[in-house]
Amino acid sequence: MRVHVRGRDWLGAGRIFGVALLVVATAGCFCSGAGAQGVDEVVAKNIQARGGLEKLKGVRSIRTTAKLTQGSFRAEFRQEGKRGGKVREEFIIQGLAQIQAYDGKTGWQISPFGGRKDPELLSQDDLKSLVVDADIDGPLIEYKEKGNTAEMVGHDSMEGTDCFKIKLNMKNGDVRYYYLDADSYLDLKVEIQTTIRGALQESELYYGDYEEVNGIFYPFTVEQAQKGSASRTQISVVKIEQNVSLDDSLFSMPASKPQAKAPAAAN
């Protein structure tokens, strides 16, 4: 999760490093009554496969460091999250960092590439995906408590691989489709539909190279593209650190530096 050098799209990408999904429902579960039960089984299996609820909830904070490539373009990406709905994301080029953060109440950014060195508030549209990123567990885990609804759609193919497909209707109005490998049950692809400034935007995420970090599995390779585009942004995770010390001030909007007064004109 929308990796383009525009606004915040290249920062969040709808939780680039989101939780992988598993599916255990069979075709006979895709009826109205059993469908909801099947989705609940999927979530339970996902939690178990990822390391178990105790381990997942034991992650109180997380830092992800990655490299981003799009053609000849290169950049570094760092995302830091903390329970309580806090997240900070940095997009770094040649030592300059665009920062976007959310402290659970307020979203803000610093955009040096646009000549803006002082922090400024984010609009509701720009804040939308950042709030999703602030959920360490992702929108599917405890989806009911978060006001989301999920349903089993059926089978679909992702680049020749048979997948289970889950539709997640999120409280914020977004829709996500998860494509889950029918053999490994890990998510291979997520389609995201979101409305920004009145326009529908559709993007796709491709996950791979899962690695275990302290008993929890994360995708270390992510590709992102606009839906239907052959051009993909490559995101290669360098390191994932759990339970790092992150002060709350890291997520809070800093005060703007006062403007220097011009010297008084000599008489």
C-alpha atoms as a PDB file:
ATOM      1  CA  MET A   1       0.000   0.000   0.000  1.00  0.00           C
ATOM      2  CA  ARG A   2       0.026   3.283  -3.805  1.00  0.00           C
ATOM      3  CA  VAL A   3       3.768   3.708  -4.053  1.00  0.00           C
ATOM      4  CA  HIS A   4       4.072   6.788  -6.204  1.00  0.00           C
ATOM      5  CA  VAL A   5       6.053   9.956  -5.655  1.00  0.00           C
ATOM      6  CA  ARG A   6       2.886  11.918  -4.998  1.00  0.00           C
ATOM      7  CA  GLY A   7       1.200  12.916  -1.760  1.00  0.00           C
ATOM      8  CA  ARG A   8       1.443  10.049   0.711  1.00  0.00           C
ATOM      9  CA  ASP A   9       0.823   7.241  -1.757  1.00  0.00           C
ATOM     10  CA  TRP A  10       4.405   5.987  -1.730  1.00  0.00           C
ATOM     11  CA  LEU A  11       4.530   6.026   2.044  1.00  0.00           C
ATOM     12  CA  GLY A  12       1.778   3.789   3.356  1.00  0.00           C
ATOM     13  CA  ALA A  13       0.621   1.627   0.503  1.00  0.00           C
ATOM     14  CA  GLY A  14      -2.279   0.391   2.668  1.00  0.00           C
ATOM     15  CA  ARG A  15      -0.003  -1.449   5.167  1.00  0.00           C
ATOM     16  CA  ILE A  16       2.757  -2.691   2.890  1.00  0.00           C
ATOM     17  CA  PHE A  17       3.895  -5.017   5.632  1.00  0.00           C
ATOM     18  CA  GLY A  18       0.431  -6.176   6.633  1.00  0.00           C
ATOM     19  CA  VAL A  19      -0.523  -9.474   8.221  1.00  0.00           C
ATOM     20  CA  ALA A  20      -0.711 -12.492   5.863  1.00  0.00           C
ATOM     21  CA  LEU A  21      -3.992 -14.418   5.608  1.00  0.00           C
ATOM     22  CA  LEU A  22      -4.901 -18.112   5.615  1.00  0.00           C
ATOM     23  CA  VAL A  23      -8.099 -19.818   4.434  1.00  0.00           C
ATOM     24  CA  VAL A  24      -9.617 -23.147   5.532  1.00  0.00           C
ATOM     25  CA  ALA A  25     -13.177 -22.825   4.196  1.00  0.00           C
ATOM     26  CA  THR A  26     -14.351 -25.202   1.476  1.00  0.00           C
ATOM     27  CA  ALA A  27     -16.723 -24.496  -1.393  1.00  0.00           C
ATOM     28  CA  GLY A  28     -19.587 -25.785   0.729  1.00  0.00           C
ATOM     29  CA  CYS A  29     -19.022 -22.905   3.148  1.00  0.00           C
ATOM     30  CA  PHE A  30     -19.835 -20.215   0.586  1.00  0.00           C
ATOM     31  CA  CYS A  31     -23.513 -20.056   1.550  1.00  0.00           C
ATOM     32  CA  SER A  32     -25.156 -17.254   3.507  1.00  0.00           C
ATOM     33  CA  GLY A  33     -25.137 -18.857   6.952  1.00  0.00           C
ATOM     34  CA  ALA A  34     -21.852 -20.746   6.778  1.00  0.00           C
ATOM     35  CA  GLY A  35     -19.978 -17.951   5.024  1.00  0.00           C
ATOM     36  CA  ALA A  36     -19.526 -15.847   8.155  1.00  0.00           C
ATOM     37  CA  GLN A  37     -18.386 -18.916  10.107  1.00  0.00           C
ATOM     38  CA  GLY A  38     -15.871 -19.703   7.364  1.00  0.00           C
ATOM     39  CA  VAL A  39     -14.358 -16.243   7.548  1.00  0.00           C
ATOM     40  CA  ASP A  40     -14.006 -16.537  11.323  1.00  0.00           C
ATOM     41  CA  GLU A  41     -12.214 -19.864  10.818  1.00  0.00           C
ATOM     42  CA  VAL A  42      -9.904 -18.194   8.294  1.00  0.00           C
ATOM     43  CA  VAL A  43      -8.964 -15.475  10.755  1.00  0.00           C
ATOM     44  CA  ALA A  44      -8.365 -18.013  13.537  1.00  0.00           C
ATOM     45  CA  LYS A  45      -6.132 -20.094  11.241  1.00  0.00           C
ATOM     46  CA  ASN A  46      -4.297 -16.967  10.152  1.00  0.00           C
ATOM     47  CA  ILE A  47      -3.519 -16.049  13.743  1.00  0.00           C
ATOM     48  CA  GLN A  48      -2.330 -19.576  14.472  1.00  0.00           C
ATOM     49  CA  ALA A  49      -0.176 -19.788  11.341  1.00  0.00           C
ATOM     50  CA  ARG A  50       1.399 -16.394  11.951  1.00  0.00           C
ATOM     51  CA  GLY A  51       2.619 -17.460  15.361  1.00  0.00           C
ATOM     52  CA  GLY A  52      -0.466 -17.373  17.551  1.00  0.00           C
ATOM     53  CA  LEU A  53      -2.480 -14.586  19.135  1.00  0.00           C
ATOM     54  CA  GLU A  54      -0.196 -14.337  22.154  1.00  0.00           C
ATOM     55  CA  LYS A  55       2.861 -13.679  19.995  1.00  0.00           C
ATOM     56  CA  LEU A  56       1.046 -11.248  17.685  1.00  0.00           C
ATOM     57  CA  LYS A  57      -0.358  -9.262  20.589  1.00  0.00           C
ATOM     58  CA  GLY A  58       3.057  -9.390  22.236  1.00  0.00           C
ATOM     59  CA  VAL A  59       4.379  -7.061  19.537  1.00  0.00           C
ATOM     60  CA  ARG A  60       3.914  -3.690  21.203  1.00  0.00           C
ATOM     61  CA  SER A  61       5.970  -1.759  18.667  1.00  0.00           C
ATOM     62  CA  ILE A  62       7.645  -2.464  15.336  1.00  0.00           C
ATOM     63  CA  ARG A  63      10.177  -0.879  13.004  1.00  0.00           C
ATOM     64  CA  THR A  64      10.476  -1.903   9.343  1.00  0.00           C
ATOM     65  CA  THR A  65      13.386  -0.762   7.187  1.00  0.00           C
ATOM     66  CA  ALA A  66      13.190  -1.302   3.422  1.00  0.00           C
ATOM     67  CA  LYS A  67      14.594  -0.291   0.038  1.00  0.00           C
ATOM     68  CA  LEU A  68      12.288   0.947  -2.702  1.00  0.00           C
ATOM     69  CA  THR A  69      12.992   0.630  -6.435  1.00  0.00           C
ATOM     70  CA  GLN A  70      10.994   1.853  -9.411  1.00  0.00           C
ATOM     71  CA  GLY A  71      12.997   1.708 -12.640  1.00  0.00           C
ATOM     72  CA  SER A  72      16.155   3.766 -12.026  1.00  0.00           C
ATOM     73  CA  PHE A  73      14.591   5.449  -8.988  1.00  0.00           C
ATOM     74  CA  ARG A  74      15.964   4.423  -5.575  1.00  0.00           C
ATOM     75  CA  ALA A  75      14.885   5.372  -2.069  1.00  0.00           C
ATOM     76  CA  GLU A  76      14.834   4.137   1.501  1.00  0.00           C
ATOM     77  CA  PHE A  77      11.665   3.578   3.498  1.00  0.00           C
ATOM     78  CA  ARG A  78      11.205   3.304   7.236  1.00  0.00           C
ATOM     79  CA  GLN A  79       7.965   2.633   9.093  1.00  0.00           C
ATOM     80  CA  GLU A  80       7.619   2.679  12.872  1.00  0.00           C
ATOM     81  CA  GLY A  81       4.417   1.647  14.617  1.00  0.00           C
ATOM     82  CA  LYS A  82       3.262   1.459  18.205  1.00  0.00           C
ATOM     83  CA  ARG A  83       0.102   0.124  19.796  1.00  0.00           C
ATOM     84  CA  GLY A  84      -2.437   2.791  20.533  1.00  0.00           C
ATOM     85  CA  GLY A  85      -2.824   3.612  16.843  1.00  0.00           C
ATOM     86  CA  LYS A  86       0.516   5.338  16.307  1.00  0.00           C
ATOM     87  CA  VAL A  87       2.632   5.264  13.145  1.00  0.00           C
ATOM     88  CA  ARG A  88       5.480   7.208  11.552  1.00  0.00           C
ATOM     89  CA  GLU A  89       6.654   6.692   7.962  1.00  0.00           C
ATOM     90  CA  GLU A  90       9.737   8.173   6.324  1.00  0.00           C
ATOM     91  CA  PHE A  91      10.649   8.227   2.644  1.00  0.00           C
ATOM     92  CA  ILE A  92      14.360   9.054   2.343  1.00  0.00           C
ATOM     93  CA  ILE A  93      16.293  10.280  -0.701  1.00  0.00           C
ATOM     94  CA  GLN A  94      19.914  11.428  -0.401  1.00  0.00           C
ATOM     95  CA  GLY A  95      19.530  12.189   3.287  1.00  0.00           C
ATOM     96  CA  LEU A  96      16.269  14.139   2.940  1.00  0.00           C
ATOM     97  CA  ALA A  97      13.214  12.554   4.550  1.00  0.00           C
ATOM     98  CA  GLN A  98       9.547  13.137   3.845  1.00  0.00           C
ATOM     99  CA  ILE A  99       7.751  12.315   7.089  1.00  0.00           C
ATOM    100  CA  GLN A 100       4.128  11.444   7.719  1.00  0.00           C
ATOM    101  CA  ALA A 101       2.900  10.438  11.165  1.00  0.00           C
ATOM    102  CA  TYR A 102      -0.223   9.821  13.197  1.00  0.00           C
ATOM    103  CA  ASP A 103      -0.365   9.825  16.998  1.00  0.00           C
ATOM    104  CA  GLY A 104      -3.825   8.297  17.327  1.00  0.00           C
ATOM    105  CA  LYS A 105      -5.566  11.663  17.015  1.00  0.00           C
ATOM    106  CA  THR A 106      -3.652  13.962  14.675  1.00  0.00           C
ATOM    107  CA  GLY A 107      -1.952  13.284  11.329  1.00  0.00           C
ATOM    108  CA  TRP A 108       0.845  15.508  10.075  1.00  0.00           C
ATOM    109  CA  GLN A 109       3.689  15.648   7.573  1.00  0.00           C
ATOM    110  CA  ILE A 110       6.937  17.384   6.675  1.00  0.00           C
ATOM    111  CA  SER A 111       7.534  17.650   2.913  1.00  0.00           C
ATOM    112  CA  PRO A 112      11.062  18.911   2.199  1.00  0.00           C
ATOM    113  CA  PHE A 113      10.867  17.855  -1.467  1.00  0.00           C
ATOM    114  CA  GLY A 114       8.103  20.409  -1.927  1.00  0.00           C
ATOM    115  CA  GLY A 115      10.117  23.091  -0.160  1.00  0.00           C
ATOM    116  CA  ARG A 116       8.147  22.752   3.080  1.00  0.00           C
ATOM    117  CA  LYS A 117      10.344  22.218   6.108  1.00  0.00           C
ATOM    118  CA  ASP A 118       7.710  22.975   8.754  1.00  0.00           C
ATOM    119  CA  PRO A 119       5.153  20.365   9.877  1.00  0.00           C
ATOM    120  CA  GLU A 120       1.615  20.690   8.518  1.00  0.00           C
ATOM    121  CA  LEU A 121      -1.645  18.906   9.218  1.00  0.00           C
ATOM    122  CA  LEU A 122      -2.797  16.182   6.836  1.00  0.00           C
ATOM    123  CA  SER A 123      -6.169  16.377   5.143  1.00  0.00           C
ATOM    124  CA  GLN A 124      -8.738  13.693   5.945  1.00  0.00           C
ATOM    125  CA  ASP A 125      -8.117  12.057   2.552  1.00  0.00           C
ATOM    126  CA  ASP A 126      -4.342  11.970   3.041  1.00  0.00           C
ATOM    127  CA  LEU A 127      -4.820  10.697   6.588  1.00  0.00           C
ATOM    128  CA  LYS A 128      -7.061   7.809   5.546  1.00  0.00           C
ATOM    129  CA  SER A 129      -4.474   5.169   4.693  1.00  0.00           C
ATOM    130  CA  LEU A 130      -2.117   6.353   7.440  1.00  0.00           C
ATOM    131  CA  VAL A 131      -4.773   5.439  10.020  1.00  0.00           C
ATOM    132  CA  VAL A 132      -4.928   1.946   8.484  1.00  0.00           C
ATOM    133  CA  ASP A 133      -1.138   1.708   8.703  1.00  0.00           C
ATOM    134  CA  ALA A 134      -1.332   2.602  12.397  1.00  0.00           C
ATOM    135  CA  ASP A 135      -3.056  -0.723  13.159  1.00  0.00           C
ATOM    136  CA  ILE A 136      -0.168  -3.101  13.898  1.00  0.00           C
ATOM    137  CA  ASP A 137      -2.409  -6.165  13.519  1.00  0.00           C
ATOM    138  CA  GLY A 138      -3.974  -5.079  10.219  1.00  0.00           C
ATOM    139  CA  PRO A 139      -7.668  -4.638   9.357  1.00  0.00           C
ATOM    140  CA  LEU A 140      -8.604  -8.345   9.208  1.00  0.00           C
ATOM    141  CA  ILE A 141      -7.651  -9.424  12.727  1.00  0.00           C
ATOM    142  CA  GLU A 142     -10.555  -8.626  15.067  1.00  0.00           C
ATOM    143  CA  TYR A 143     -12.291  -7.174  12.011  1.00  0.00           C
ATOM    144  CA  LYS A 144     -15.719  -7.183  13.663  1.00  0.00           C
ATOM    145  CA  GLU A 145     -14.528  -5.114  16.618  1.00  0.00           C
ATOM    146  CA  LYS A 146     -13.048  -2.629  14.136  1.00  0.00           C
ATOM    147  CA  GLY A 147     -16.347  -2.223  12.298  1.00  0.00           C
ATOM    148  CA  ASN A 148     -15.244  -4.179   9.213  1.00  0.00           C
ATOM    149  CA  THR A 149     -17.145  -7.009   7.520  1.00  0.00           C
ATOM    150  CA  ALA A 150     -15.613  -9.985   5.710  1.00  0.00           C
ATOM    151  CA  GLU A 151     -16.973 -12.598   3.329  1.00  0.00           C
ATOM    152  CA  MET A 152     -15.696 -15.539   1.341  1.00  0.00           C
ATOM    153  CA  VAL A 153     -15.900 -14.890  -2.400  1.00  0.00           C
ATOM    154  CA  GLY A 154     -14.604 -18.218  -3.754  1.00  0.00           C
ATOM    155  CA  HIS A 155     -11.626 -19.305  -5.862  1.00  0.00           C
ATOM    156  CA  ASP A 156      -9.621 -17.155  -8.263  1.00  0.00           C
ATOM    157  CA  SER A 157      -6.282 -17.370 -10.046  1.00  0.00           C
ATOM    158  CA  MET A 158      -3.284 -15.134  -9.377  1.00  0.00           C
ATOM    159  CA  GLU A 159      -0.723 -15.445 -12.172  1.00  0.00           C
ATOM    160  CA  GLY A 160      -1.616 -19.120 -12.613  1.00  0.00           C
ATOM    161  CA  THR A 161      -1.800 -19.974  -8.916  1.00  0.00           C
ATOM    162  CA  ASP A 162      -5.098 -21.156  -7.473  1.00  0.00           C
ATOM    163  CA  CYS A 163      -6.184 -18.855  -4.661  1.00  0.00           C
ATOM    164  CA  PHE A 164      -8.968 -18.452  -2.161  1.00  0.00           C
ATOM    165  CA  LYS A 165     -10.473 -14.978  -2.295  1.00  0.00           C
ATOM    166  CA  ILE A 166     -11.787 -12.923   0.643  1.00  0.00           C
ATOM    167  CA  LYS A 167     -13.575  -9.588   0.431  1.00  0.00           C
ATOM    168  CA  LEU A 168     -13.135  -7.159   3.321  1.00  0.00           C
ATOM    169  CA  ASN A 169     -15.448  -4.146   3.565  1.00  0.00           C
ATOM    170  CA  MET A 170     -13.755  -1.659   5.855  1.00  0.00           C
ATOM    171  CA  LYS A 171     -15.401   0.850   8.155  1.00  0.00           C
ATOM    172  CA  ASN A 172     -13.649   3.727   6.366  1.00  0.00           C
ATOM    173  CA  GLY A 173     -15.302   2.756   3.056  1.00  0.00           C
ATOM    174  CA  ASP A 174     -12.311   0.959   1.515  1.00  0.00           C
ATOM    175  CA  VAL A 175     -12.718  -2.500  -0.017  1.00  0.00           C
ATOM    176  CA  ARG A 176      -9.935  -5.091  -0.032  1.00  0.00           C
ATOM    177  CA  TYR A 177      -9.723  -8.399  -1.850  1.00  0.00           C
ATOM    178  CA  TYR A 178      -7.236 -10.925  -0.464  1.00  0.00           C
ATOM    179  CA  TYR A 179      -5.886 -13.665  -2.773  1.00  0.00           C
ATOM    180  CA  LEU A 180      -4.613 -16.555  -0.659  1.00  0.00           C
ATOM    181  CA  ASP A 181      -2.489 -19.404  -1.995  1.00  0.00           C
ATOM    182  CA  ALA A 182      -4.649 -22.540  -1.923  1.00  0.00           C
ATOM    183  CA  ASP A 183      -1.619 -24.650  -0.928  1.00  0.00           C
ATOM    184  CA  SER A 184       0.365 -22.506   1.511  1.00  0.00           C
ATOM    185  CA  TYR A 185      -2.588 -20.296   2.522  1.00  0.00           C
ATOM    186  CA  LEU A 186      -0.339 -17.237   2.632  1.00  0.00           C
ATOM    187  CA  ASP A 187      -1.596 -14.118   0.876  1.00  0.00           C
ATOM    188  CA  LEU A 188      -0.119 -13.617  -2.578  1.00  0.00           C
ATOM    189  CA  LYS A 189      -2.021 -10.501  -3.592  1.00  0.00           C
ATOM    190  CA  VAL A 190      -4.264  -7.799  -2.147  1.00  0.00           C
ATOM    191  CA  GLU A 191      -6.419  -5.468  -4.225  1.00  0.00           C
ATOM    192  CA  ILE A 192      -7.330  -2.155  -2.590  1.00  0.00           C
ATOM    193  CA  GLN A 193     -10.189   0.103  -3.619  1.00  0.00           C
ATOM    194  CA  THR A 194     -10.280   3.505  -1.944  1.00  0.00           C
ATOM    195  CA  THR A 195     -11.873   6.859  -2.682  1.00  0.00           C
ATOM    196  CA  ILE A 196      -9.605   9.908  -2.502  1.00  0.00           C
ATOM    197  CA  ARG A 197     -10.961  13.381  -3.201  1.00  0.00           C
ATOM    198  CA  GLY A 198     -14.056  11.862  -4.757  1.00  0.00           C
ATOM    199  CA  ALA A 199     -12.169   9.604  -7.175  1.00  0.00           C
ATOM    200  CA  LEU A 200     -11.879   5.809  -6.974  1.00  0.00           C
ATOM    201  CA  GLN A 201      -8.261   4.599  -6.795  1.00  0.00           C
ATOM    202  CA  GLU A 202      -7.396   0.933  -7.254  1.00  0.00           C
ATOM    203  CA  SER A 203      -4.024  -0.587  -6.438  1.00  0.00           C
ATOM    204  CA  GLU A 204      -2.534  -4.064  -6.132  1.00  0.00           C
ATOM    205  CA  LEU A 205       0.005  -5.521  -3.708  1.00  0.00           C
ATOM    206  CA  TYR A 206       1.991  -8.711  -4.329  1.00  0.00           C
ATOM    207  CA  TYR A 207       3.641 -10.470  -1.368  1.00  0.00           C
ATOM    208  CA  GLY A 208       6.503 -12.980  -1.257  1.00  0.00           C
ATOM    209  CA  ASP A 209       9.687 -14.203   0.449  1.00  0.00           C
ATOM    210  CA  TYR A 210       8.167 -14.766   3.856  1.00  0.00           C
ATOM    211  CA  GLU A 211      10.643 -14.922   6.722  1.00  0.00           C
ATOM    212  CA  GLU A 212      10.256 -15.664  10.407  1.00  0.00           C
ATOM    213  CA  VAL A 213      11.110 -12.969  12.942  1.00  0.00           C
ATOM    214  CA  ASN A 214      10.870 -14.143  16.555  1.00  0.00           C
ATOM    215  CA  GLY A 215       8.173 -16.664  15.724  1.00  0.00           C
ATOM    216  CA  ILE A 216       6.085 -14.409  13.437  1.00  0.00           C
ATOM    217  CA  PHE A 217       6.144 -14.541   9.628  1.00  0.00           C
ATOM    218  CA  TYR A 218       6.404 -11.380   7.516  1.00  0.00           C
ATOM    219  CA  PRO A 219       6.711 -10.872   3.726  1.00  0.00           C
ATOM    220  CA  PHE A 220      10.171  -9.508   2.895  1.00  0.00           C
ATOM    221  CA  THR A 221       9.322  -8.747  -0.745  1.00  0.00           C
ATOM    222  CA  VAL A 222       6.392  -6.569  -1.788  1.00  0.00           C
ATOM    223  CA  GLU A 223       5.490  -5.296  -5.244  1.00  0.00           C
ATOM    224  CA  GLN A 224       2.930  -2.556  -5.799  1.00  0.00           C
ATOM    225  CA  ALA A 225       1.160  -1.234  -8.885  1.00  0.00           C
ATOM    226  CA  GLN A 226      -1.930   0.565 -10.015  1.00  0.00           C
ATOM    227  CA  LYS A 227      -4.515  -2.025 -11.002  1.00  0.00           C
ATOM    228  CA  GLY A 228      -3.936  -3.231 -14.554  1.00  0.00           C
ATOM    229  CA  SER A 229      -0.468  -1.687 -14.833  1.00  0.00           C
ATOM    230  CA  ALA A 230       2.539  -3.794 -15.829  1.00  0.00           C
ATOM    231  CA  SER A 231       4.900  -1.423 -13.996  1.00  0.00           C
ATOM    232  CA  ARG A 232       5.515  -2.414 -10.391  1.00  0.00           C
ATOM    233  CA  THR A 233       7.385  -0.748  -7.561  1.00  0.00           C
ATOM    234  CA  GLN A 234       9.729  -3.168  -5.778  1.00  0.00           C
ATOM    235  CA  ILE A 235       9.965  -3.019  -1.993  1.00  0.00           C
ATOM    236  CA  SER A 236      12.675  -5.141  -0.378  1.00  0.00           C
ATOM    237  CA  VAL A 237      12.597  -5.388   3.399  1.00  0.00           C
ATOM    238  CA  VAL A 238      16.029  -5.141   5.000  1.00  0.00           C
ATOM    239  CA  LYS A 239      15.078  -5.565   8.641  1.00  0.00           C
ATOM    240  CA  ILE A 240      12.039  -5.927  10.906  1.00  0.00           C
ATOM    241  CA  GLU A 241      12.541  -5.081  14.587  1.00  0.00           C
ATOM    242  CA  GLN A 242       9.926  -5.863  17.225  1.00  0.00           C
ATOM    243  CA  ASN A 243       9.333  -4.193  20.578  1.00  0.00           C
ATOM    244  CA  VAL A 244      11.779  -1.380  19.950  1.00  0.00           C
ATOM    245  CA  SER A 245      11.747   1.632  22.236  1.00  0.00           C
ATOM    246  CA  LEU A 246       9.648   4.332  20.537  1.00  0.00           C
ATOM    247  CA  ASP A 247       8.829   7.461  22.506  1.00  0.00           C
ATOM    248  CA  ASP A 248       5.337   8.901  21.966  1.00  0.00           C
ATOM    249  CA  SER A 249       6.914  12.207  20.908  1.00  0.00           C
ATOM    250  CA  LEU A 250       8.115  10.481  17.737  1.00  0.00           C
ATOM    251  CA  PHE A 251       4.513  10.430  16.496  1.00  0.00           C
ATOM    252  CA  SER A 252       3.399  13.829  17.780  1.00  0.00           C
ATOM    253  CA  MET A 253       3.350  16.890  15.543  1.00  0.00           C
ATOM    254  CA  PRO A 254       6.352  19.088  16.397  1.00  0.00           C
ATOM    255  CA  ALA A 255       5.935  22.804  16.890  1.00  0.00           C
ATOM    256  CA  SER A 256       6.831  24.964  13.905  1.00  0.00           C
ATOM    257  CA  LYS A 257      10.017  26.925  14.224  1.00  0.00           C
ATOM    258  CA  PRO A 258       9.350  30.659  14.617  1.00  0.00           C
ATOM    259  CA  GLN A 259      10.199  32.796  11.621  1.00  0.00           C
ATOM    260  CA  ALA A 260      13.314  34.918  12.070  1.00  0.00           C
ATOM    261  CA  LYS A 261      12.519  38.606  12.194  1.00  0.00           C
ATOM    262  CA  ALA A 262      14.151  40.850   9.639  1.00  0.00           C
ATOM    263  CA  PRO A 263      16.612  43.312  11.182  1.00  0.00           C
ATOM    264  CA  ALA A 264      15.252  46.776  11.791  1.00  0.00           C
ATOM    265  CA  ALA A 265      16.251  49.339   9.192  1.00  0.00           C
ATOM    266  CA  ALA A 266      18.925  51.736  10.299  1.00  0.00           C
ATOM    267  CA  ASN A 267      17.914  55.387  10.726  1.00  0.00           C
END
